[in-house]
PDB file of N, CA and C in Angstrom:
ATOM      1  N   MET A   1       5.057  13.810  13.209  1.00  0.00           N
ATOM      2  CA  MET A   1       4.186  14.506  12.292  1.00  0.00           C
ATOM      3  C   MET A   1       4.837  15.778  11.764  1.00  0.00           C
ATOM      4  N   GLY A   2       5.981  16.155  12.293  1.00  0.00           N
ATOM      5  CA  GLY A   2       6.638  17.372  11.862  1.00  0.00           C
ATOM      6  C   GLY A   2       6.964  17.415  10.384  1.00  0.00           C
ATOM      7  N   MET A   3       7.239  16.254   9.786  1.00  0.00           N
ATOM      8  CA  MET A   3       7.559  16.220   8.353  1.00  0.00           C
ATOM      9  C   MET A   3       6.397  16.707   7.508  1.00  0.00           C
ATOM     10  N   LEU A   4       5.186  16.505   7.966  1.00  0.00           N
ATOM     11  CA  LEU A   4       4.014  16.880   7.176  1.00  0.00           C
ATOM     12  C   LEU A   4       3.829  18.391   7.096  1.00  0.00           C
ATOM     13  N   TYR A   5       4.559  19.139   7.896  1.00  0.00           N
ATOM     14  CA  TYR A   5       4.539  20.589   7.790  1.00  0.00           C
ATOM     15  C   TYR A   5       5.138  21.011   6.448  1.00  0.00           C
ATOM     16  N   TYR A   6       6.125  20.255   5.974  1.00  0.00           N
ATOM     17  CA  TYR A   6       6.855  20.598   4.760  1.00  0.00           C
ATOM     18  C   TYR A   6       6.348  19.884   3.510  1.00  0.00           C
ATOM     19  N   SER A   7       5.666  18.785   3.682  1.00  0.00           N
ATOM     20  CA  SER A   7       5.220  17.987   2.538  1.00  0.00           C
ATOM     21  C   SER A   7       3.964  17.210   2.916  1.00  0.00           C
ATOM     22  N   SER A   8       3.090  16.993   1.953  1.00  0.00           N
ATOM     23  CA  SER A   8       1.852  16.266   2.238  1.00  0.00           C
ATOM     24  C   SER A   8       2.022  14.759   2.081  1.00  0.00           C
ATOM     25  N   GLN A   9       3.220  14.317   1.749  1.00  0.00           N
ATOM     26  CA  GLN A   9       3.487  12.889   1.577  1.00  0.00           C
ATOM     27  C   GLN A   9       4.881  12.576   2.087  1.00  0.00           C
ATOM     28  N   ILE A  10       5.037  11.427   2.734  1.00  0.00           N
ATOM     29  CA  ILE A  10       6.352  10.995   3.197  1.00  0.00           C
ATOM     30  C   ILE A  10       6.656   9.614   2.628  1.00  0.00           C
ATOM     31  N   GLN A  11       7.931   9.301   2.561  1.00  0.00           N
ATOM     32  CA  GLN A  11       8.357   7.971   2.143  1.00  0.00           C
ATOM     33  C   GLN A  11       8.780   7.244   3.406  1.00  0.00           C
ATOM     34  N   GLY A  12       8.022   6.250   3.800  1.00  0.00           N
ATOM     35  CA  GLY A  12       8.293   5.546   5.048  1.00  0.00           C
ATOM     36  C   GLY A  12       9.405   4.518   4.945  1.00  0.00           C
ATOM     37  N   SER A  13       9.876   4.257   3.740  1.00  0.00           N
ATOM     38  CA  SER A  13      10.879   3.223   3.547  1.00  0.00           C
ATOM     39  C   SER A  13      11.757   3.566   2.349  1.00  0.00           C
ATOM     40  N   ASP A  14      13.004   3.147   2.414  1.00  0.00           N
ATOM     41  CA  ASP A  14      13.892   3.352   1.271  1.00  0.00           C
ATOM     42  C   ASP A  14      14.143   2.049   0.512  1.00  0.00           C
ATOM     43  N   THR A  15      13.415   1.007   0.841  1.00  0.00           N
ATOM     44  CA  THR A  15      13.576  -0.259   0.139  1.00  0.00           C
ATOM     45  C   THR A  15      12.486  -0.432  -0.916  1.00  0.00           C
ATOM     46  N   SER A  16      12.832  -1.085  -2.001  1.00  0.00           N
ATOM     47  CA  SER A  16      11.835  -1.331  -3.042  1.00  0.00           C
ATOM     48  C   SER A  16      11.272  -2.749  -2.958  1.00  0.00           C
ATOM     49  N   ASP A  17      11.756  -3.543  -2.012  1.00  0.00           N
ATOM     50  CA  ASP A  17      11.250  -4.898  -1.824  1.00  0.00           C
ATOM     51  C   ASP A  17       9.940  -4.851  -1.032  1.00  0.00           C
ATOM     52  N   ALA A  18       8.884  -5.398  -1.605  1.00  0.00           N
ATOM     53  CA  ALA A  18       7.549  -5.292  -1.008  1.00  0.00           C
ATOM     54  C   ALA A  18       7.467  -5.950   0.364  1.00  0.00           C
ATOM     55  N   VAL A  19       8.087  -7.103   0.529  1.00  0.00           N
ATOM     56  CA  VAL A  19       8.024  -7.796   1.815  1.00  0.00           C
ATOM     57  C   VAL A  19       8.750  -6.983   2.884  1.00  0.00           C
ATOM     58  N   ASP A  20       9.918  -6.456   2.560  1.00  0.00           N
ATOM     59  CA  ASP A  20      10.630  -5.594   3.512  1.00  0.00           C
ATOM     60  C   ASP A  20       9.801  -4.362   3.857  1.00  0.00           C
ATOM     61  N   ARG A  21       9.157  -3.783   2.851  1.00  0.00           N
ATOM     62  CA  ARG A  21       8.348  -2.582   3.086  1.00  0.00           C
ATOM     63  C   ARG A  21       7.140  -2.870   3.968  1.00  0.00           C
ATOM     64  N   SER A  22       6.661  -4.111   3.979  1.00  0.00           N
ATOM     65  CA  SER A  22       5.499  -4.423   4.815  1.00  0.00           C
ATOM     66  C   SER A  22       5.807  -4.182   6.292  1.00  0.00           C
ATOM     67  N   PHE A  23       7.039  -4.445   6.709  1.00  0.00           N
ATOM     68  CA  PHE A  23       7.433  -4.183   8.093  1.00  0.00           C
ATOM     69  C   PHE A  23       7.412  -2.678   8.374  1.00  0.00           C
ATOM     70  N   ASN A  24       7.982  -1.904   7.460  1.00  0.00           N
ATOM     71  CA  ASN A  24       8.010  -0.448   7.625  1.00  0.00           C
ATOM     72  C   ASN A  24       6.610   0.143   7.577  1.00  0.00           C
ATOM     73  N   LEU A  25       5.791  -0.366   6.685  1.00  0.00           N
ATOM     74  CA  LEU A  25       4.414   0.109   6.571  1.00  0.00           C
ATOM     75  C   LEU A  25       3.660  -0.110   7.873  1.00  0.00           C
ATOM     76  N   TYR A  26       3.784  -1.289   8.431  1.00  0.00           N
ATOM     77  CA  TYR A  26       3.108  -1.605   9.686  1.00  0.00           C
ATOM     78  C   TYR A  26       3.552  -0.638  10.788  1.00  0.00           C
ATOM     79  N   SER A  27       4.853  -0.463  10.934  1.00  0.00           N
ATOM     80  CA  SER A  27       5.381   0.403  11.997  1.00  0.00           C
ATOM     81  C   SER A  27       5.017   1.864  11.781  1.00  0.00           C
ATOM     82  N   THR A  28       5.185   2.347  10.570  1.00  0.00           N
ATOM     83  CA  THR A  28       4.921   3.752  10.270  1.00  0.00           C
ATOM     84  C   THR A  28       3.450   4.091  10.430  1.00  0.00           C
ATOM     85  N   SER A  29       2.568   3.113  10.232  1.00  0.00           N
ATOM     86  CA  SER A  29       1.129   3.377  10.334  1.00  0.00           C
ATOM     87  C   SER A  29       0.690   3.739  11.751  1.00  0.00           C
ATOM     88  N   PHE A  30       1.544   3.505  12.742  1.00  0.00           N
ATOM     89  CA  PHE A  30       1.216   3.911  14.109  1.00  0.00           C
ATOM     90  C   PHE A  30       1.408   5.416  14.312  1.00  0.00           C
ATOM     91  N   GLY A  31       2.237   6.032  13.490  1.00  0.00           N
ATOM     92  CA  GLY A  31       2.518   7.450  13.660  1.00  0.00           C
ATOM     93  C   GLY A  31       1.968   8.353  12.577  1.00  0.00           C
ATOM     94  N   TYR A  32       1.649   7.765  11.431  1.00  0.00           N
ATOM     95  CA  TYR A  32       1.189   8.555  10.289  1.00  0.00           C
ATOM     96  C   TYR A  32      -0.020   7.896   9.643  1.00  0.00           C
ATOM     97  N   PRO A  33      -0.939   8.694   9.126  1.00  0.00           N
ATOM     98  CA  PRO A  33      -2.085   8.112   8.410  1.00  0.00           C
ATOM     99  C   PRO A  33      -1.642   7.520   7.072  1.00  0.00           C
ATOM    100  N   LEU A  34      -2.321   6.468   6.636  1.00  0.00           N
ATOM    101  CA  LEU A  34      -1.979   5.811   5.373  1.00  0.00           C
ATOM    102  C   LEU A  34      -2.022   6.771   4.194  1.00  0.00           C
ATOM    103  N   ALA A  35      -2.877   7.761   4.268  1.00  0.00           N
ATOM    104  CA  ALA A  35      -3.061   8.702   3.155  1.00  0.00           C
ATOM    105  C   ALA A  35      -1.806   9.504   2.833  1.00  0.00           C
ATOM    106  N   VAL A  36      -0.824   9.542   3.738  1.00  0.00           N
ATOM    107  CA  VAL A  36       0.390  10.321   3.486  1.00  0.00           C
ATOM    108  C   VAL A  36       1.614   9.444   3.229  1.00  0.00           C
ATOM    109  N   LEU A  37       1.470   8.137   3.327  1.00  0.00           N
ATOM    110  CA  LEU A  37       2.610   7.237   3.169  1.00  0.00           C
ATOM    111  C   LEU A  37       2.842   6.886   1.708  1.00  0.00           C
ATOM    112  N   GLY A  38       3.968   7.330   1.173  1.00  0.00           N
ATOM    113  CA  GLY A  38       4.321   6.969  -0.195  1.00  0.00           C
ATOM    114  C   GLY A  38       4.500   5.463  -0.285  1.00  0.00           C
ATOM    115  N   SER A  39       3.808   4.857  -1.207  1.00  0.00           N
ATOM    116  CA  SER A  39       3.833   3.400  -1.304  1.00  0.00           C
ATOM    117  C   SER A  39       3.629   3.003  -2.760  1.00  0.00           C
ATOM    118  N   HIS A  40       4.683   2.490  -3.378  1.00  0.00           N
ATOM    119  CA  HIS A  40       4.632   2.202  -4.809  1.00  0.00           C
ATOM    120  C   HIS A  40       4.998   0.760  -5.121  1.00  0.00           C
ATOM    121  N   VAL A  41       4.591   0.337  -6.301  1.00  0.00           N
ATOM    122  CA  VAL A  41       4.950  -0.975  -6.834  1.00  0.00           C
ATOM    123  C   VAL A  41       6.219  -0.789  -7.658  1.00  0.00           C
ATOM    124  N   PHE A  42       7.251  -1.546  -7.325  1.00  0.00           N
ATOM    125  CA  PHE A  42       8.523  -1.464  -8.037  1.00  0.00           C
ATOM    126  C   PHE A  42       8.725  -2.716  -8.883  1.00  0.00           C
ATOM    127  N   SER A  43       9.617  -2.632  -9.854  1.00  0.00           N
ATOM    128  CA  SER A  43       9.859  -3.778 -10.736  1.00  0.00           C
ATOM    129  C   SER A  43      10.907  -4.734 -10.191  1.00  0.00           C
ATOM    130  N   ASN A  44      11.827  -4.248  -9.416  1.00  0.00           N
ATOM    131  CA  ASN A  44      12.933  -5.090  -8.948  1.00  0.00           C
ATOM    132  C   ASN A  44      12.571  -5.832  -7.667  1.00  0.00           C
ATOM    133  N   ASP A  45      11.674  -6.761  -7.790  1.00  0.00           N
ATOM    134  CA  ASP A  45      11.169  -7.479  -6.638  1.00  0.00           C
ATOM    135  C   ASP A  45      10.910  -8.922  -7.047  1.00  0.00           C
ATOM    136  N   SER A  46      11.151  -9.833  -6.137  1.00  0.00           N
ATOM    137  CA  SER A  46      10.951 -11.246  -6.447  1.00  0.00           C
ATOM    138  C   SER A  46       9.522 -11.715  -6.185  1.00  0.00           C
ATOM    139  N   THR A  47       8.694 -10.859  -5.614  1.00  0.00           N
ATOM    140  CA  THR A  47       7.307 -11.240  -5.342  1.00  0.00           C
ATOM    141  C   THR A  47       6.424 -10.917  -6.539  1.00  0.00           C
ATOM    142  N   SER A  48       5.243 -11.491  -6.556  1.00  0.00           N
ATOM    143  CA  SER A  48       4.321 -11.282  -7.674  1.00  0.00           C
ATOM    144  C   SER A  48       3.828  -9.838  -7.719  1.00  0.00           C
ATOM    145  N   VAL A  49       3.399  -9.424  -8.882  1.00  0.00           N
ATOM    146  CA  VAL A  49       2.833  -8.080  -9.032  1.00  0.00           C
ATOM    147  C   VAL A  49       1.616  -7.932  -8.124  1.00  0.00           C
ATOM    148  N   ALA A  50       0.807  -8.966  -8.001  1.00  0.00           N
ATOM    149  CA  ALA A  50      -0.386  -8.910  -7.148  1.00  0.00           C
ATOM    150  C   ALA A  50      -0.007  -8.642  -5.693  1.00  0.00           C
ATOM    151  N   THR A  51       1.030  -9.303  -5.195  1.00  0.00           N
ATOM    152  CA  THR A  51       1.478  -9.086  -3.818  1.00  0.00           C
ATOM    153  C   THR A  51       2.038  -7.685  -3.649  1.00  0.00           C
ATOM    154  N   ARG A  52       2.838  -7.243  -4.593  1.00  0.00           N
ATOM    155  CA  ARG A  52       3.406  -5.891  -4.516  1.00  0.00           C
ATOM    156  C   ARG A  52       2.313  -4.831  -4.515  1.00  0.00           C
ATOM    157  N   MET A  53       1.274  -5.043  -5.327  1.00  0.00           N
ATOM    158  CA  MET A  53       0.169  -4.078  -5.370  1.00  0.00           C
ATOM    159  C   MET A  53      -0.619  -4.099  -4.068  1.00  0.00           C
ATOM    160  N   ALA A  54      -0.819  -5.283  -3.497  1.00  0.00           N
ATOM    161  CA  ALA A  54      -1.573  -5.388  -2.244  1.00  0.00           C
ATOM    162  C   ALA A  54      -0.889  -4.614  -1.123  1.00  0.00           C
ATOM    163  N   ILE A  55       0.426  -4.660  -1.075  1.00  0.00           N
ATOM    164  CA  ILE A  55       1.160  -3.921  -0.046  1.00  0.00           C
ATOM    165  C   ILE A  55       1.165  -2.426  -0.355  1.00  0.00           C
ATOM    166  N   ALA A  56       1.384  -2.064  -1.604  1.00  0.00           N
ATOM    167  CA  ALA A  56       1.406  -0.645  -1.990  1.00  0.00           C
ATOM    168  C   ALA A  56       0.042   0.010  -1.840  1.00  0.00           C
ATOM    169  N   PHE A  57      -1.002  -0.779  -1.883  1.00  0.00           N
ATOM    170  CA  PHE A  57      -2.358  -0.247  -1.774  1.00  0.00           C
ATOM    171  C   PHE A  57      -2.571   0.498  -0.455  1.00  0.00           C
ATOM    172  N   PHE A  58      -1.849   0.085   0.596  1.00  0.00           N
ATOM    173  CA  PHE A  58      -1.984   0.722   1.905  1.00  0.00           C
ATOM    174  C   PHE A  58      -1.069   1.939   1.996  1.00  0.00           C
ATOM    175  N   GLY A  59      -1.310   2.895   1.149  1.00  0.00           N
ATOM    176  CA  GLY A  59      -0.554   4.133   1.094  1.00  0.00           C
ATOM    177  C   GLY A  59      -1.051   4.954  -0.073  1.00  0.00           C
ATOM    178  N   THR A  60      -0.184   5.789  -0.618  1.00  0.00           N
ATOM    179  CA  THR A  60      -0.612   6.643  -1.728  1.00  0.00           C
ATOM    180  C   THR A  60      -0.804   5.867  -3.016  1.00  0.00           C
ATOM    181  N   TYR A  61      -0.140   4.740  -3.175  1.00  0.00           N
ATOM    182  CA  TYR A  61      -0.300   3.799  -4.285  1.00  0.00           C
ATOM    183  C   TYR A  61       0.148   4.377  -5.615  1.00  0.00           C
ATOM    184  N   GLY A  62       1.170   3.791  -6.160  1.00  0.00           N
ATOM    185  CA  GLY A  62       1.668   4.205  -7.461  1.00  0.00           C
ATOM    186  C   GLY A  62       2.566   3.130  -8.038  1.00  0.00           C
ATOM    187  N   PHE A  63       3.070   3.379  -9.230  1.00  0.00           N
ATOM    188  CA  PHE A  63       3.920   2.422  -9.924  1.00  0.00           C
ATOM    189  C   PHE A  63       5.229   3.086 -10.314  1.00  0.00           C
ATOM    190  N   GLU A  64       6.329   2.350 -10.159  1.00  0.00           N
ATOM    191  CA  GLU A  64       7.644   2.844 -10.562  1.00  0.00           C
ATOM    192  C   GLU A  64       8.369   1.745 -11.322  1.00  0.00           C
ATOM    193  N   PHE A  65       8.023   1.604 -12.595  1.00  0.00           N
ATOM    194  CA  PHE A  65       8.690   0.654 -13.469  1.00  0.00           C
ATOM    195  C   PHE A  65       8.286   0.932 -14.905  1.00  0.00           C
ATOM    196  N   ASN A  66       8.962   0.277 -15.821  1.00  0.00           N
ATOM    197  CA  ASN A  66       8.669   0.426 -17.241  1.00  0.00           C
ATOM    198  C   ASN A  66       7.511  -0.509 -17.605  1.00  0.00           C
ATOM    199  N   PRO A  67       6.339   0.012 -17.925  1.00  0.00           N
ATOM    200  CA  PRO A  67       5.189  -0.852 -18.222  1.00  0.00           C
ATOM    201  C   PRO A  67       5.372  -1.692 -19.484  1.00  0.00           C
ATOM    202  N   ASP A  68       6.284  -1.299 -20.351  1.00  0.00           N
ATOM    203  CA  ASP A  68       6.538  -2.079 -21.565  1.00  0.00           C
ATOM    204  C   ASP A  68       7.145  -3.445 -21.258  1.00  0.00           C
ATOM    205  N   ARG A  69       7.691  -3.599 -20.072  1.00  0.00           N
ATOM    206  CA  ARG A  69       8.340  -4.865 -19.696  1.00  0.00           C
ATOM    207  C   ARG A  69       7.409  -5.822 -18.951  1.00  0.00           C
ATOM    208  N   LEU A  70       6.157  -5.464 -18.808  1.00  0.00           N
ATOM    209  CA  LEU A  70       5.198  -6.315 -18.097  1.00  0.00           C
ATOM    210  C   LEU A  70       4.709  -7.465 -18.968  1.00  0.00           C
ATOM    211  N   SER A  71       4.472  -8.591 -18.327  1.00  0.00           N
ATOM    212  CA  SER A  71       3.848  -9.707 -19.037  1.00  0.00           C
ATOM    213  C   SER A  71       2.355  -9.414 -19.181  1.00  0.00           C
ATOM    214  N   GLU A  72       1.706 -10.142 -20.034  1.00  0.00           N
ATOM    215  CA  GLU A  72       0.259  -9.966 -20.217  1.00  0.00           C
ATOM    216  C   GLU A  72      -0.486 -10.294 -18.925  1.00  0.00           C
ATOM    217  N   GLU A  73      -0.009 -11.293 -18.205  1.00  0.00           N
ATOM    218  CA  GLU A  73      -0.614 -11.668 -16.921  1.00  0.00           C
ATOM    219  C   GLU A  73      -0.510 -10.516 -15.918  1.00  0.00           C
ATOM    220  N   ASP A  74       0.654  -9.889 -15.854  1.00  0.00           N
ATOM    221  CA  ASP A  74       0.841  -8.753 -14.946  1.00  0.00           C
ATOM    222  C   ASP A  74      -0.046  -7.576 -15.347  1.00  0.00           C
ATOM    223  N   ARG A  75      -0.194  -7.351 -16.627  1.00  0.00           N
ATOM    224  CA  ARG A  75      -1.082  -6.278 -17.096  1.00  0.00           C
ATOM    225  C   ARG A  75      -2.522  -6.536 -16.652  1.00  0.00           C
ATOM    226  N   ASP A  76      -2.943  -7.785 -16.729  1.00  0.00           N
ATOM    227  CA  ASP A  76      -4.297  -8.142 -16.287  1.00  0.00           C
ATOM    228  C   ASP A  76      -4.463  -7.923 -14.789  1.00  0.00           C
ATOM    229  N   GLU A  77      -3.434  -8.271 -14.006  1.00  0.00           N
ATOM    230  CA  GLU A  77      -3.479  -8.058 -12.555  1.00  0.00           C
ATOM    231  C   GLU A  77      -3.600  -6.569 -12.229  1.00  0.00           C
ATOM    232  N   ILE A  78      -2.878  -5.748 -12.955  1.00  0.00           N
ATOM    233  CA  ILE A  78      -2.933  -4.302 -12.725  1.00  0.00           C
ATOM    234  C   ILE A  78      -4.314  -3.758 -13.061  1.00  0.00           C
ATOM    235  N   LYS A  79      -4.908  -4.230 -14.127  1.00  0.00           N
ATOM    236  CA  LYS A  79      -6.264  -3.785 -14.484  1.00  0.00           C
ATOM    237  C   LYS A  79      -7.259  -4.144 -13.390  1.00  0.00           C
ATOM    238  N   LYS A  80      -7.146  -5.350 -12.832  1.00  0.00           N
ATOM    239  CA  LYS A  80      -8.027  -5.767 -11.733  1.00  0.00           C
ATOM    240  C   LYS A  80      -7.809  -4.869 -10.512  1.00  0.00           C
ATOM    241  N   ALA A  81      -6.549  -4.611 -10.206  1.00  0.00           N
ATOM    242  CA  ALA A  81      -6.227  -3.780  -9.042  1.00  0.00           C
ATOM    243  C   ALA A  81      -6.739  -2.359  -9.212  1.00  0.00           C
ATOM    244  N   GLU A  82      -6.703  -1.842 -10.411  1.00  0.00           N
ATOM    245  CA  GLU A  82      -7.196  -0.483 -10.642  1.00  0.00           C
ATOM    246  C   GLU A  82      -8.699  -0.388 -10.385  1.00  0.00           C
ATOM    247  N   THR A  83      -9.416  -1.450 -10.665  1.00  0.00           N
ATOM    248  CA  THR A  83     -10.850  -1.485 -10.363  1.00  0.00           C
ATOM    249  C   THR A  83     -11.068  -1.414  -8.855  1.00  0.00           C
ATOM    250  N   VAL A  84     -10.284  -2.178  -8.108  1.00  0.00           N
ATOM    251  CA  VAL A  84     -10.376  -2.161  -6.642  1.00  0.00           C
ATOM    252  C   VAL A  84      -9.972  -0.790  -6.114  1.00  0.00           C
ATOM    253  N   TYR A  85      -8.894  -0.243  -6.658  1.00  0.00           N
ATOM    254  CA  TYR A  85      -8.433   1.085  -6.244  1.00  0.00           C
ATOM    255  C   TYR A  85      -9.550   2.116  -6.404  1.00  0.00           C
ATOM    256  N   SER A  86     -10.170   2.139  -7.561  1.00  0.00           N
ATOM    257  CA  SER A  86     -11.227   3.125  -7.837  1.00  0.00           C
ATOM    258  C   SER A  86     -12.409   2.970  -6.893  1.00  0.00           C
ATOM    259  N   ALA A  87     -12.708   1.752  -6.523  1.00  0.00           N
ATOM    260  CA  ALA A  87     -13.878   1.496  -5.684  1.00  0.00           C
ATOM    261  C   ALA A  87     -13.630   1.738  -4.195  1.00  0.00           C
ATOM    262  N   TYR A  88     -12.376   1.558  -3.735  1.00  0.00           N
ATOM    263  CA  TYR A  88     -12.139   1.548  -2.293  1.00  0.00           C
ATOM    264  C   TYR A  88     -11.113   2.539  -1.755  1.00  0.00           C
ATOM    265  N   HIS A  89     -10.145   2.939  -2.540  1.00  0.00           N
ATOM    266  CA  HIS A  89      -9.005   3.670  -1.985  1.00  0.00           C
ATOM    267  C   HIS A  89      -9.401   4.970  -1.287  1.00  0.00           C
ATOM    268  N   LEU A  90     -10.194   5.789  -1.904  1.00  0.00           N
ATOM    269  CA  LEU A  90     -10.561   7.076  -1.301  1.00  0.00           C
ATOM    270  C   LEU A  90     -11.342   6.886  -0.006  1.00  0.00           C
ATOM    271  N   ASP A  91     -12.363   6.049  -0.040  1.00  0.00           N
ATOM    272  CA  ASP A  91     -13.221   5.870   1.136  1.00  0.00           C
ATOM    273  C   ASP A  91     -12.553   5.082   2.256  1.00  0.00           C
ATOM    274  N   CYS A  92     -11.784   4.075   1.905  1.00  0.00           N
ATOM    275  CA  CYS A  92     -11.223   3.185   2.927  1.00  0.00           C
ATOM    276  C   CYS A  92      -9.796   3.540   3.339  1.00  0.00           C
ATOM    277  N   ILE A  93      -8.907   3.671   2.382  1.00  0.00           N
ATOM    278  CA  ILE A  93      -7.496   3.914   2.704  1.00  0.00           C
ATOM    279  C   ILE A  93      -7.258   5.367   3.104  1.00  0.00           C
ATOM    280  N   GLN A  94      -7.727   6.300   2.293  1.00  0.00           N
ATOM    281  CA  GLN A  94      -7.447   7.709   2.565  1.00  0.00           C
ATOM    282  C   GLN A  94      -8.300   8.292   3.686  1.00  0.00           C
ATOM    283  N   ASN A  95      -9.539   7.869   3.787  1.00  0.00           N
ATOM    284  CA  ASN A  95     -10.440   8.495   4.758  1.00  0.00           C
ATOM    285  C   ASN A  95     -11.060   7.532   5.754  1.00  0.00           C
ATOM    286  N   GLY A  96     -10.711   6.262   5.688  1.00  0.00           N
ATOM    287  CA  GLY A  96     -11.337   5.262   6.553  1.00  0.00           C
ATOM    288  C   GLY A  96     -10.556   5.008   7.827  1.00  0.00           C
ATOM    289  N   ASP A  97     -10.961   3.966   8.515  1.00  0.00           N
ATOM    290  CA  ASP A  97     -10.320   3.549   9.761  1.00  0.00           C
ATOM    291  C   ASP A  97      -9.453   2.322   9.499  1.00  0.00           C
ATOM    292  N   LEU A  98      -8.250   2.333  10.038  1.00  0.00           N
ATOM    293  CA  LEU A  98      -7.294   1.245   9.861  1.00  0.00           C
ATOM    294  C   LEU A  98      -7.388   0.278  11.035  1.00  0.00           C
ATOM    295  N   TYR A  99      -7.431  -1.002  10.716  1.00  0.00           N
ATOM    296  CA  TYR A  99      -7.400  -2.062  11.724  1.00  0.00           C
ATOM    297  C   TYR A  99      -6.189  -2.942  11.434  1.00  0.00           C
ATOM    298  N   ARG A 100      -5.321  -3.059  12.415  1.00  0.00           N
ATOM    299  CA  ARG A 100      -4.146  -3.921  12.267  1.00  0.00           C
ATOM    300  C   ARG A 100      -4.519  -5.307  12.773  1.00  0.00           C
ATOM    301  N   LEU A 101      -4.502  -6.281  11.884  1.00  0.00           N
ATOM    302  CA  LEU A 101      -4.957  -7.629  12.207  1.00  0.00           C
ATOM    303  C   LEU A 101      -3.823  -8.542  12.653  1.00  0.00           C
ATOM    304  N   SER A 102      -2.665  -8.384  12.058  1.00  0.00           N
ATOM    305  CA  SER A 102      -1.507  -9.163  12.489  1.00  0.00           C
ATOM    306  C   SER A 102      -0.228  -8.392  12.184  1.00  0.00           C
ATOM    307  N   SER A 103       0.725  -8.559  13.077  1.00  0.00           N
ATOM    308  CA  SER A 103       2.013  -7.882  12.939  1.00  0.00           C
ATOM    309  C   SER A 103       2.990  -8.772  12.179  1.00  0.00           C
ATOM    310  N   PRO A 104       3.680  -8.226  11.186  1.00  0.00           N
ATOM    311  CA  PRO A 104       4.691  -9.031  10.498  1.00  0.00           C
ATOM    312  C   PRO A 104       5.872  -9.366  11.414  1.00  0.00           C
ATOM    313  N   TYR A 105       6.012  -8.638  12.503  1.00  0.00           N
ATOM    314  CA  TYR A 105       7.086  -8.903  13.451  1.00  0.00           C
ATOM    315  C   TYR A 105       6.788 -10.126  14.312  1.00  0.00           C
ATOM    316  N   GLN A 106       5.505 -10.421  14.512  1.00  0.00           N
ATOM    317  CA  GLN A 106       5.121 -11.532  15.378  1.00  0.00           C
ATOM    318  C   GLN A 106       4.627 -12.754  14.618  1.00  0.00           C
ATOM    319  N   SER A 107       4.142 -12.567  13.396  1.00  0.00           N
ATOM    320  CA  SER A 107       3.519 -13.693  12.702  1.00  0.00           C
ATOM    321  C   SER A 107       4.085 -13.968  11.312  1.00  0.00           C
ATOM    322  N   ASN A 108       5.014 -13.144  10.859  1.00  0.00           N
ATOM    323  CA  ASN A 108       5.520 -13.214   9.479  1.00  0.00           C
ATOM    324  C   ASN A 108       4.462 -12.874   8.446  1.00  0.00           C
ATOM    325  N   TYR A 109       3.352 -12.318   8.869  1.00  0.00           N
ATOM    326  CA  TYR A 109       2.293 -11.880   7.957  1.00  0.00           C
ATOM    327  C   TYR A 109       1.859 -10.474   8.331  1.00  0.00           C
ATOM    328  N   LEU A 110       1.664  -9.655   7.334  1.00  0.00           N
ATOM    329  CA  LEU A 110       1.082  -8.334   7.551  1.00  0.00           C
ATOM    330  C   LEU A 110      -0.411  -8.464   7.308  1.00  0.00           C
ATOM    331  N   GLY A 111      -1.190  -8.158   8.309  1.00  0.00           N
ATOM    332  CA  GLY A 111      -2.640  -8.196   8.158  1.00  0.00           C
ATOM    333  C   GLY A 111      -3.231  -6.864   8.571  1.00  0.00           C
ATOM    334  N   MET A 112      -3.769  -6.128   7.606  1.00  0.00           N
ATOM    335  CA  MET A 112      -4.413  -4.850   7.894  1.00  0.00           C
ATOM    336  C   MET A 112      -5.701  -4.775   7.089  1.00  0.00           C
ATOM    337  N   ALA A 113      -6.663  -4.077   7.647  1.00  0.00           N
ATOM    338  CA  ALA A 113      -7.924  -3.846   6.936  1.00  0.00           C
ATOM    339  C   ALA A 113      -8.324  -2.400   7.150  1.00  0.00           C
ATOM    340  N   CYS A 114      -8.914  -1.810   6.138  1.00  0.00           N
ATOM    341  CA  CYS A 114      -9.421  -0.446   6.232  1.00  0.00           C
ATOM    342  C   CYS A 114     -10.913  -0.474   5.956  1.00  0.00           C
ATOM    343  N   VAL A 115     -11.637   0.276   6.757  1.00  0.00           N
ATOM    344  CA  VAL A 115     -13.097   0.326   6.647  1.00  0.00           C
ATOM    345  C   VAL A 115     -13.508   1.781   6.479  1.00  0.00           C
ATOM    346  N   SER A 116     -14.429   2.023   5.564  1.00  0.00           N
ATOM    347  CA  SER A 116     -14.913   3.389   5.347  1.00  0.00           C
ATOM    348  C   SER A 116     -15.616   3.890   6.601  1.00  0.00           C
ATOM    349  N   LYS A 117     -15.655   5.201   6.767  1.00  0.00           N
ATOM    350  CA  LYS A 117     -16.267   5.799   7.960  1.00  0.00           C
ATOM    351  C   LYS A 117     -17.723   5.381   8.135  1.00  0.00           C
ATOM    352  N   ASP A 118     -18.449   5.198   7.022  1.00  0.00           N
ATOM    353  CA  ASP A 118     -19.848   4.775   7.130  1.00  0.00           C
ATOM    354  C   ASP A 118     -19.982   3.258   7.269  1.00  0.00           C
ATOM    355  N   GLN A 119     -18.866   2.554   7.287  1.00  0.00           N
ATOM    356  CA  GLN A 119     -18.771   1.101   7.454  1.00  0.00           C
ATOM    357  C   GLN A 119     -19.496   0.321   6.356  1.00  0.00           C
ATOM    358  N   LYS A 120     -19.589   0.911   5.169  1.00  0.00           N
ATOM    359  CA  LYS A 120     -20.220   0.223   4.042  1.00  0.00           C
ATOM    360  C   LYS A 120     -19.202  -0.419   3.110  1.00  0.00           C
ATOM    361  N   LYS A 121     -17.937  -0.022   3.236  1.00  0.00           N
ATOM    362  CA  LYS A 121     -16.876  -0.583   2.398  1.00  0.00           C
ATOM    363  C   LYS A 121     -15.710  -1.020   3.276  1.00  0.00           C
ATOM    364  N   ALA A 122     -15.072  -2.100   2.856  1.00  0.00           N
ATOM    365  CA  ALA A 122     -13.878  -2.568   3.577  1.00  0.00           C
ATOM    366  C   ALA A 122     -12.949  -3.270   2.609  1.00  0.00           C
TER     367      ALA A 122
END
């Protein structure tokens, strides 16, 4: 937690590949709250925009790419994700409780859920 003395956000991974970052996200979440983990959607990834957004959602959530290069389908996915972000991110990710459902180290799947403190959103 010493890094948070100097900055309110940390980068838990130096990779832009979403699947690789899922391992780092899982591990880092044991020592740091999701609200401080820098987590962005990058363009240089072989996974779908929807998958990249789902992984980036468990952190500060942002985008690092040229939006002019997006397909119409990807633009639609981002619009859907922004609706989810607005409805859940503050209550669940930033201020809620994290539940680790499956480890990517043991199952090849990252499974996490966040629930708001009042347990009305998940």
